[in-house]
């Protein structure tokens, strides 16, 4: 296995890192800050992390795709190499019990995430199993499947919102998640492990270019073609299953800003959702399609670029915020880090630095309910009351006028 080296930065506390990010208008994930505590507590063995079970009526399937964009050179590998991306497709499945559950990330990616991004011992935890059954046949839920694409944050990975992804899939969506190579922890089919680099510096417009290429590959799948570079078999029923007239997108942090860029350039995306996106660099065009912001630290009050973006939303728009949330509270980190905390001797104060004061179980319910309600409304035209105003079922979620 070959690995692209990570170019480390000066250690910073999480709050200093986020403060610098806010000042610079750049999204930097919480995991990049090396924690103040250093020595892990003694533990009998690695912690087996878990993810919550999705609530939808359908079992979930998943398949990885290796995608090569022959129109773009690879910015690191040199002449003769093209931009490569790893992606996954998640979908409602049938006969899923006969297929193995997919891990959250591969062992190599898990070790790199723990040691490099989190400052944890590389062997302190084992990645959780997801609800996705690898290669299970697609279960058609009536017509073609609406599609949602996910773009991760800076120095992150495509599995970072698996709670949301498998929830959507269990309710009948096809969800495509993407690793933005050189700003992601990613493993390719030949065993190459790539980790985030400081150079090339990839910004939200670069992420958006990746996503537009992936949307072309979604069109391939919808037409019955296999976009995988090695032509590995696709799950039965996936070719021809996707609905190109019902495509949405969401992202976290830099990926949220990329969502706005994609929508400003590509009308294939009908609705967009931001998980605490800084909207830097500023979006210079108006958007006339539905957009929802779930903010935490990059709020309209704290970040002028977010307020400016809000002013450019000419269609349906909504801004909600969970009390006690921090930048990563709408991601899997909110549920996984508390499981890891006892094994590494994390103090309550350190844990609050990672997840704020929003209860992890409540965060899971918010992650499952609000994105689903948004895409149900705008891709399936299924109105509900959750997005109409404050809900007694979610007292933590405030509507920002």
Protein backbone atom coordinates (compact mmCIF):
# COMPACT_ATOMS: atom_id res chain seq x y z
CA UNK A 1 0.00 0.00 0.00
CA UNK A 2 1.33 3.44 -0.91
CA UNK A 3 0.38 6.55 1.00
CA UNK A 4 0.45 10.20 0.06
CA UNK A 5 2.03 11.99 3.01
CA UNK A 6 0.10 14.42 5.15
CA UNK A 7 1.77 17.82 5.49
CA UNK A 8 1.22 18.54 9.16
CA UNK A 9 0.43 21.93 10.59
CA UNK A 10 1.40 23.47 13.92
CA UNK A 11 -0.77 21.88 16.60
CA UNK A 12 -3.64 24.08 17.71
CA UNK A 13 -6.50 23.68 20.12
CA UNK A 14 -9.86 23.09 18.54
CA UNK A 15 -11.15 26.51 19.57
CA UNK A 16 -8.05 28.30 18.24
CA UNK A 17 -8.36 26.41 14.97
CA UNK A 18 -12.02 27.26 14.53
CA UNK A 19 -11.36 30.85 15.54
CA UNK A 20 -8.68 31.14 12.89
CA UNK A 21 -11.02 29.55 10.38
CA UNK A 22 -13.76 32.02 11.17
CA UNK A 23 -11.36 34.95 10.87
CA UNK A 24 -10.01 33.71 7.55
CA UNK A 25 -13.36 32.61 6.21
CA UNK A 26 -12.03 29.07 5.72
CA UNK A 27 -13.73 25.93 7.01
CA UNK A 28 -11.40 23.69 9.00
CA UNK A 29 -12.89 20.58 10.61
CA UNK A 30 -12.66 20.13 14.33
CA UNK A 31 -10.73 16.90 14.01
CA UNK A 32 -7.61 18.68 12.75
CA UNK A 33 -6.91 20.22 16.13
CA UNK A 34 -4.68 17.97 18.24
CA UNK A 35 -6.42 17.59 21.59
CA UNK A 36 -4.92 19.06 24.74
CA UNK A 37 -5.00 15.66 26.43
CA UNK A 38 -2.26 13.44 25.04
CA UNK A 39 -1.81 10.13 26.79
CA UNK A 40 -4.69 7.65 26.33
CA UNK A 41 -6.09 5.79 29.27
CA UNK A 42 -5.28 2.11 29.45
CA UNK A 43 -7.84 0.00 27.64
CA UNK A 44 -8.18 -3.77 27.24
CA UNK A 45 -8.55 -3.52 23.48
CA UNK A 46 -9.86 -1.33 20.66
CA UNK A 47 -13.30 0.17 21.04
CA UNK A 48 -15.85 -1.17 18.56
CA UNK A 49 -17.73 1.95 17.56
CA UNK A 50 -21.39 1.82 16.57
CA UNK A 51 -23.79 3.86 14.44
CA UNK A 52 -27.53 4.28 15.04
CA UNK A 53 -29.94 2.22 12.96
CA UNK A 54 -31.83 4.14 10.25
CA UNK A 55 -35.56 4.52 10.75
CA UNK A 56 -36.87 3.99 7.21
CA UNK A 57 -38.86 0.99 5.95
CA UNK A 58 -36.24 -0.25 3.48
CA UNK A 59 -33.00 -2.15 4.07
CA UNK A 60 -29.95 -0.34 2.73
CA UNK A 61 -27.42 -1.37 0.10
CA UNK A 62 -24.16 0.27 -0.89
CA UNK A 63 -21.43 -0.05 -3.51
CA UNK A 64 -18.13 1.82 -3.98
CA UNK A 65 -17.16 3.36 -7.32
CA UNK A 66 -13.71 4.30 -8.60
CA UNK A 67 -14.16 7.24 -10.95
CA UNK A 68 -11.53 8.74 -13.28
CA UNK A 69 -12.00 12.15 -14.88
CA UNK A 70 -9.96 11.95 -18.08
CA UNK A 71 -10.61 15.65 -18.77
CA UNK A 72 -8.53 16.77 -15.77
CA UNK A 73 -4.87 16.00 -14.97
CA UNK A 74 -3.99 14.72 -11.53
CA UNK A 75 -2.48 17.67 -9.60
CA UNK A 76 0.01 15.47 -7.70
CA UNK A 77 0.77 12.28 -9.65
CA UNK A 78 2.25 14.03 -12.67
CA UNK A 79 1.88 13.77 -16.46
CA UNK A 80 -0.22 10.95 -17.81
CA UNK A 81 -2.38 10.70 -14.69
CA UNK A 82 -5.93 11.98 -14.35
CA UNK A 83 -8.12 13.11 -11.49
CA UNK A 84 -9.37 10.07 -9.55
CA UNK A 85 -12.20 10.00 -7.03
CA UNK A 86 -13.69 7.37 -4.79
CA UNK A 87 -17.45 7.49 -4.39
CA UNK A 88 -20.17 5.31 -2.90
CA UNK A 89 -23.79 4.84 -3.88
CA UNK A 90 -26.31 4.06 -1.11
CA UNK A 91 -29.84 2.94 -1.96
CA UNK A 92 -32.88 1.00 -0.77
CA UNK A 93 -32.15 -2.71 -1.13
CA UNK A 94 -33.92 -6.05 -1.35
CA UNK A 95 -32.70 -9.43 -0.12
CA UNK A 96 -30.06 -7.51 1.79
CA UNK A 97 -29.52 -10.03 4.59
CA UNK A 98 -27.48 -12.25 2.27
CA UNK A 99 -24.87 -9.50 1.82
CA UNK A 100 -22.25 -8.34 4.34
CA UNK A 101 -22.51 -5.03 6.14
CA UNK A 102 -20.11 -2.37 4.92
CA UNK A 103 -17.71 -0.78 7.42
CA UNK A 104 -17.87 2.97 7.98
CA UNK A 105 -14.35 3.26 6.53
CA UNK A 106 -11.63 0.78 5.63
CA UNK A 107 -9.12 -0.20 8.36
CA UNK A 108 -6.38 1.86 6.68
CA UNK A 109 -8.58 4.97 6.50
CA UNK A 110 -9.72 4.47 10.09
CA UNK A 111 -6.13 4.32 11.36
CA UNK A 112 -5.19 7.43 9.38
CA UNK A 113 -8.22 9.32 10.66
CA UNK A 114 -7.56 8.42 14.28
CA UNK A 115 -3.84 9.15 14.25
CA UNK A 116 -3.60 12.05 11.81
CA UNK A 117 -6.86 13.95 12.08
CA UNK A 118 -7.85 13.23 15.65
CA UNK A 119 -4.54 12.82 17.44
CA UNK A 120 -5.70 9.47 18.84
CA UNK A 121 -3.74 6.20 19.03
CA UNK A 122 -4.21 4.52 15.66
CA UNK A 123 -5.40 1.25 17.20
CA UNK A 124 -7.74 2.66 19.84
CA UNK A 125 -10.93 1.93 17.89
CA UNK A 126 -12.45 -0.21 15.17
CA UNK A 127 -14.69 1.50 12.64
CA UNK A 128 -18.38 0.82 13.08
CA UNK A 129 -20.41 -1.29 10.72
CA UNK A 130 -23.00 0.66 8.76
CA UNK A 131 -26.52 -0.38 7.86
CA UNK A 132 -25.43 -0.72 4.23
CA UNK A 133 -25.19 -4.22 2.76
CA UNK A 134 -22.36 -4.37 0.21
CA UNK A 135 -23.61 -5.14 -3.28
CA UNK A 136 -27.20 -5.94 -2.34
CA UNK A 137 -29.73 -5.66 -5.20
CA UNK A 138 -31.61 -2.39 -5.53
CA UNK A 139 -35.15 -2.40 -4.18
CA UNK A 140 -37.32 -0.24 -6.41
CA UNK A 141 -39.82 1.71 -4.31
CA UNK A 142 -42.05 2.76 -7.21
CA UNK A 143 -40.46 4.48 -10.19
CA UNK A 144 -36.88 5.71 -10.32
CA UNK A 145 -35.05 6.78 -7.17
CA UNK A 146 -34.50 10.43 -6.27
CA UNK A 147 -30.79 11.20 -5.90
CA UNK A 148 -28.90 13.15 -3.22
CA UNK A 149 -25.16 13.89 -3.53
CA UNK A 150 -22.92 14.58 -0.49
CA UNK A 151 -19.70 16.66 -0.37
CA UNK A 152 -17.54 16.49 2.78
CA UNK A 153 -15.61 19.19 4.63
CA UNK A 154 -11.95 20.14 4.48
CA UNK A 155 -9.50 17.33 5.34
CA UNK A 156 -12.35 14.85 5.74
CA UNK A 157 -13.94 11.84 4.01
CA UNK A 158 -17.11 10.67 2.30
CA UNK A 159 -18.33 8.61 5.29
CA UNK A 160 -18.58 11.59 7.61
CA UNK A 161 -22.40 11.86 7.51
CA UNK A 162 -23.28 8.17 7.22
CA UNK A 163 -26.07 8.62 9.77
CA UNK A 164 -27.79 11.00 7.32
CA UNK A 165 -26.84 8.95 4.25
CA UNK A 166 -28.25 5.64 5.43
CA UNK A 167 -31.35 7.38 6.80
CA UNK A 168 -32.12 8.83 3.37
CA UNK A 169 -31.42 5.49 1.67
CA UNK A 170 -33.73 3.68 4.09
CA UNK A 171 -36.50 6.04 2.98
CA UNK A 172 -36.03 5.36 -0.72
CA UNK A 173 -33.26 7.74 -1.87
CA UNK A 174 -30.10 6.94 -3.79
CA UNK A 175 -27.29 8.86 -2.08
CA UNK A 176 -23.90 9.40 -3.73
CA UNK A 177 -21.01 10.27 -1.41
CA UNK A 178 -17.68 11.52 -2.76
CA UNK A 179 -14.08 11.71 -1.51
CA UNK A 180 -12.35 14.86 -2.78
CA UNK A 181 -8.89 13.37 -3.34
CA UNK A 182 -5.99 15.25 -1.69
CA UNK A 183 -8.45 16.88 0.71
CA UNK A 184 -9.75 13.53 1.90
CA UNK A 185 -8.79 10.29 3.60
CA UNK A 186 -9.44 7.81 0.81
CA UNK A 187 -8.40 4.31 -0.27
CA UNK A 188 -8.45 3.18 -3.91
CA UNK A 189 -9.10 -0.38 -5.15
CA UNK A 190 -5.37 -1.04 -5.66
CA UNK A 191 -4.64 -0.23 -2.01
CA UNK A 192 -3.37 3.33 -2.45
CA UNK A 193 -4.20 5.45 0.55
CA UNK A 194 -4.41 9.20 0.01
CA UNK A 195 -4.66 11.63 2.89
CA UNK A 196 -5.16 15.41 2.99
CA UNK A 197 -2.42 17.64 1.62
CA UNK A 198 -1.78 21.34 2.12
CA UNK A 199 -0.82 21.48 -1.57
CA UNK A 200 -2.60 21.39 -3.90
CA UNK A 201 -4.98 23.66 -2.01
CA UNK A 202 -8.48 22.63 -3.03
CA UNK A 203 -11.25 25.17 -2.51
CA UNK A 204 -15.03 24.87 -2.75
CA UNK A 205 -14.94 25.59 -6.52
CA UNK A 206 -12.62 22.57 -6.94
CA UNK A 207 -15.02 20.45 -4.91
CA UNK A 208 -17.83 21.72 -7.13
CA UNK A 209 -15.93 20.64 -10.24
CA UNK A 210 -15.59 17.16 -8.73
CA UNK A 211 -19.31 17.04 -8.04
CA UNK A 212 -20.28 18.14 -11.54
CA UNK A 213 -18.14 15.30 -12.89
CA UNK A 214 -19.90 12.92 -10.48
CA UNK A 215 -23.27 14.19 -11.71
CA UNK A 216 -22.19 13.15 -15.20
CA UNK A 217 -21.50 9.69 -13.82
CA UNK A 218 -24.96 9.68 -12.21
CA UNK A 219 -26.27 10.24 -15.72
CA UNK A 220 -24.25 7.20 -16.84
CA UNK A 221 -25.89 5.08 -14.14
CA UNK A 222 -29.32 6.39 -15.05
CA UNK A 223 -28.68 5.40 -18.66
CA UNK A 224 -27.62 1.89 -17.65
CA UNK A 225 -23.87 2.41 -18.06
CA UNK A 226 -21.20 1.38 -15.53
CA UNK A 227 -18.90 4.34 -14.66
CA UNK A 228 -16.51 2.33 -12.48
CA UNK A 229 -12.94 2.59 -13.80
CA UNK A 230 -12.33 -1.14 -13.38
CA UNK A 231 -15.83 -2.05 -14.58
CA UNK A 232 -16.50 -3.94 -11.36
CA UNK A 233 -20.01 -5.41 -11.33
CA UNK A 234 -22.78 -3.11 -10.16
CA UNK A 235 -25.57 -4.28 -7.83
CA UNK A 236 -28.53 -5.78 -9.64
CA UNK A 237 -31.03 -3.10 -10.52
CA UNK A 238 -28.73 -0.09 -10.04
CA UNK A 239 -28.24 0.66 -13.77
CA UNK A 240 -31.29 2.58 -14.87
CA UNK A 241 -32.59 3.14 -11.31
CA UNK A 242 -31.78 6.83 -10.77
CA UNK A 243 -34.09 9.76 -11.48
CA UNK A 244 -32.22 12.63 -13.14
CA UNK A 245 -35.18 14.98 -12.64
CA UNK A 246 -34.98 14.72 -8.84
CA UNK A 247 -31.41 15.48 -7.75
CA UNK A 248 -30.50 17.23 -4.50
CA UNK A 249 -27.20 17.94 -2.79
CA UNK A 250 -25.91 18.64 0.68
CA UNK A 251 -22.52 19.19 2.23
CA UNK A 252 -20.76 19.92 5.48
CA UNK A 253 -18.46 22.93 5.94
CA UNK A 254 -16.40 23.32 2.73
CA UNK A 255 -18.72 20.79 1.10
CA UNK A 256 -21.69 22.97 2.03
CA UNK A 257 -20.09 25.91 0.26
CA UNK A 258 -19.41 23.58 -2.68
CA UNK A 259 -23.12 22.76 -2.71
CA UNK A 260 -23.90 26.44 -3.25
CA UNK A 261 -21.28 26.64 -6.03
CA UNK A 262 -22.70 23.58 -7.78
CA UNK A 263 -26.20 25.02 -7.65
CA UNK A 264 -24.97 28.33 -9.05
CA UNK A 265 -23.44 26.49 -12.03
CA UNK A 266 -25.57 23.41 -12.64
CA UNK A 267 -29.33 23.32 -12.76
CA UNK A 268 -29.39 19.54 -12.46
CA UNK A 269 -29.37 20.06 -8.68
CA UNK A 270 -32.90 21.04 -7.68
CA UNK A 271 -32.41 21.61 -3.92
CA UNK A 272 -29.44 22.24 -1.63
CA UNK A 273 -28.73 21.79 2.08
CA UNK A 274 -25.82 23.25 4.07
CA UNK A 275 -24.43 21.81 7.28
CA UNK A 276 -22.70 24.87 8.79
CA UNK A 277 -21.10 26.10 5.57
CA UNK A 278 -18.95 29.27 5.74
CA UNK A 279 -19.87 30.26 2.16
CA UNK A 280 -16.31 31.35 1.43
CA UNK A 281 -15.36 32.44 -1.16
CA UNK A 282 -18.62 34.36 -1.51
CA UNK A 283 -21.25 33.18 -3.97
CA UNK A 284 -21.71 35.95 -6.53
CA UNK A 285 -24.96 34.84 -8.14
CA UNK A 286 -28.56 34.56 -6.95
CA UNK A 287 -30.10 31.11 -6.48
CA UNK A 288 -33.75 30.54 -7.34
CA UNK A 289 -34.06 26.95 -6.07
CA UNK A 290 -34.79 25.71 -2.53
CA UNK A 291 -31.91 25.98 -0.06
CA UNK A 292 -31.78 25.17 3.65
CA UNK A 293 -29.03 26.08 6.11
CA UNK A 294 -28.43 24.14 9.34
CA UNK A 295 -26.00 26.45 11.12
CA UNK A 296 -23.92 26.12 14.29
CA UNK A 297 -20.75 28.24 14.31
CA UNK A 298 -20.85 29.71 10.79
CA UNK A 299 -24.00 31.71 11.47
CA UNK A 300 -25.37 34.71 9.61
CA UNK A 301 -24.60 36.83 12.67
CA UNK A 302 -20.99 35.66 12.98
CA UNK A 303 -20.03 35.27 9.33
CA UNK A 304 -20.77 38.06 6.82
CA UNK A 305 -20.35 35.69 3.87
CA UNK A 306 -23.15 33.49 5.24
CA UNK A 307 -25.42 36.54 5.62
CA UNK A 308 -24.53 37.61 2.08
CA UNK A 309 -25.35 34.14 0.72
CA UNK A 310 -28.68 34.16 2.56
CA UNK A 311 -29.55 37.45 0.85
CA UNK A 312 -28.97 35.82 -2.55
CA UNK A 313 -31.52 33.06 -1.99
CA UNK A 314 -34.51 34.01 -4.12
CA UNK A 315 -36.46 30.76 -3.83
CA UNK A 316 -37.69 28.78 -0.84
CA UNK A 317 -35.21 29.19 2.02
CA UNK A 318 -34.87 28.19 5.65
CA UNK A 319 -32.25 28.61 8.38
CA UNK A 320 -32.41 26.41 11.48
CA UNK A 321 -29.93 25.97 14.30
CA UNK A 322 -29.66 23.41 17.09
CA UNK A 323 -28.89 24.87 20.51
CA UNK A 324 -25.53 23.69 21.84
CA UNK A 325 -24.30 22.59 18.40
CA UNK A 326 -20.73 23.12 17.23
CA UNK A 327 -19.28 22.93 13.74
CA UNK A 328 -19.32 19.12 13.52
CA UNK A 329 -22.58 18.48 15.36
CA UNK A 330 -24.51 17.55 12.22
CA UNK A 331 -21.94 14.82 11.37
CA UNK A 332 -21.18 11.33 12.69
CA UNK A 333 -18.50 12.80 14.99
CA UNK A 334 -21.27 13.91 17.34
CA UNK A 335 -22.22 10.27 17.93
CA UNK A 336 -18.81 8.56 17.62
CA UNK A 337 -16.52 10.74 19.74
CA UNK A 338 -18.46 10.16 23.00
CA UNK A 339 -17.95 6.42 22.48
CA UNK A 340 -14.21 7.00 22.09
CA UNK A 341 -13.84 9.41 25.00
CA UNK A 342 -13.50 6.90 27.88
CA UNK A 343 -10.84 4.86 26.07
CA UNK A 344 -8.56 7.87 25.61
CA UNK A 345 -9.15 9.51 28.98
CA UNK A 346 -10.97 12.50 27.52
CA UNK A 347 -12.26 14.97 30.08
CA UNK A 348 -15.79 16.36 29.98
CA UNK A 349 -14.37 19.74 28.94
CA UNK A 350 -12.43 18.16 26.07
CA UNK A 351 -15.52 16.27 24.98
CA UNK A 352 -17.54 19.49 24.94
CA UNK A 353 -14.84 20.97 22.72
CA UNK A 354 -15.56 18.23 20.18
CA UNK A 355 -19.37 18.04 20.36
CA UNK A 356 -20.60 21.11 22.23
CA UNK A 357 -23.52 20.66 24.61
CA UNK A 358 -25.98 19.13 22.15
CA UNK A 359 -26.88 15.66 23.40
CA UNK A 360 -25.57 13.05 20.90
CA UNK A 361 -28.82 11.09 20.88
CA UNK A 362 -30.78 14.24 20.14
CA UNK A 363 -28.25 15.19 17.45
CA UNK A 364 -28.92 11.85 15.75
CA UNK A 365 -32.66 12.48 15.65
CA UNK A 366 -32.06 15.96 14.19
CA UNK A 367 -29.70 14.52 11.56
CA UNK A 368 -32.26 11.91 10.61
CA UNK A 369 -35.36 14.11 10.57
CA UNK A 370 -34.49 17.49 9.07
CA UNK A 371 -32.55 16.52 5.90
CA UNK A 372 -35.21 13.89 5.12
CA UNK A 373 -38.01 16.43 5.57
CA UNK A 374 -36.19 18.91 3.32
CA UNK A 375 -35.56 16.51 0.45
CA UNK A 376 -39.01 14.93 0.80
CA UNK A 377 -40.56 18.38 0.37
CA UNK A 378 -38.48 19.53 -2.58
CA UNK A 379 -37.65 16.32 -4.47
CA UNK A 380 -40.79 14.28 -3.74
CA UNK A 381 -43.27 17.11 -3.11
CA UNK A 382 -44.31 15.52 0.16
CA UNK A 383 -45.15 18.39 2.51
CA UNK A 384 -44.88 17.93 6.26
CA UNK A 385 -45.08 20.17 9.28
CA UNK A 386 -41.46 19.84 10.49
CA UNK A 387 -40.14 22.67 8.33
CA UNK A 388 -43.09 24.98 8.96
CA UNK A 389 -41.82 26.23 12.31
CA UNK A 390 -40.55 25.18 15.75
CA UNK A 391 -41.58 21.66 16.69
CA UNK A 392 -42.29 20.39 20.22
CA UNK A 393 -40.57 17.16 19.17
CA UNK A 394 -37.34 19.12 18.56
CA UNK A 395 -37.17 21.90 21.16
CA UNK A 396 -33.42 22.34 20.50
CA UNK A 397 -33.99 23.41 16.89
CA UNK A 398 -34.51 27.14 16.50
CA UNK A 399 -35.79 28.83 13.34
CA UNK A 400 -33.66 31.85 12.46
CA UNK A 401 -35.73 34.57 10.81
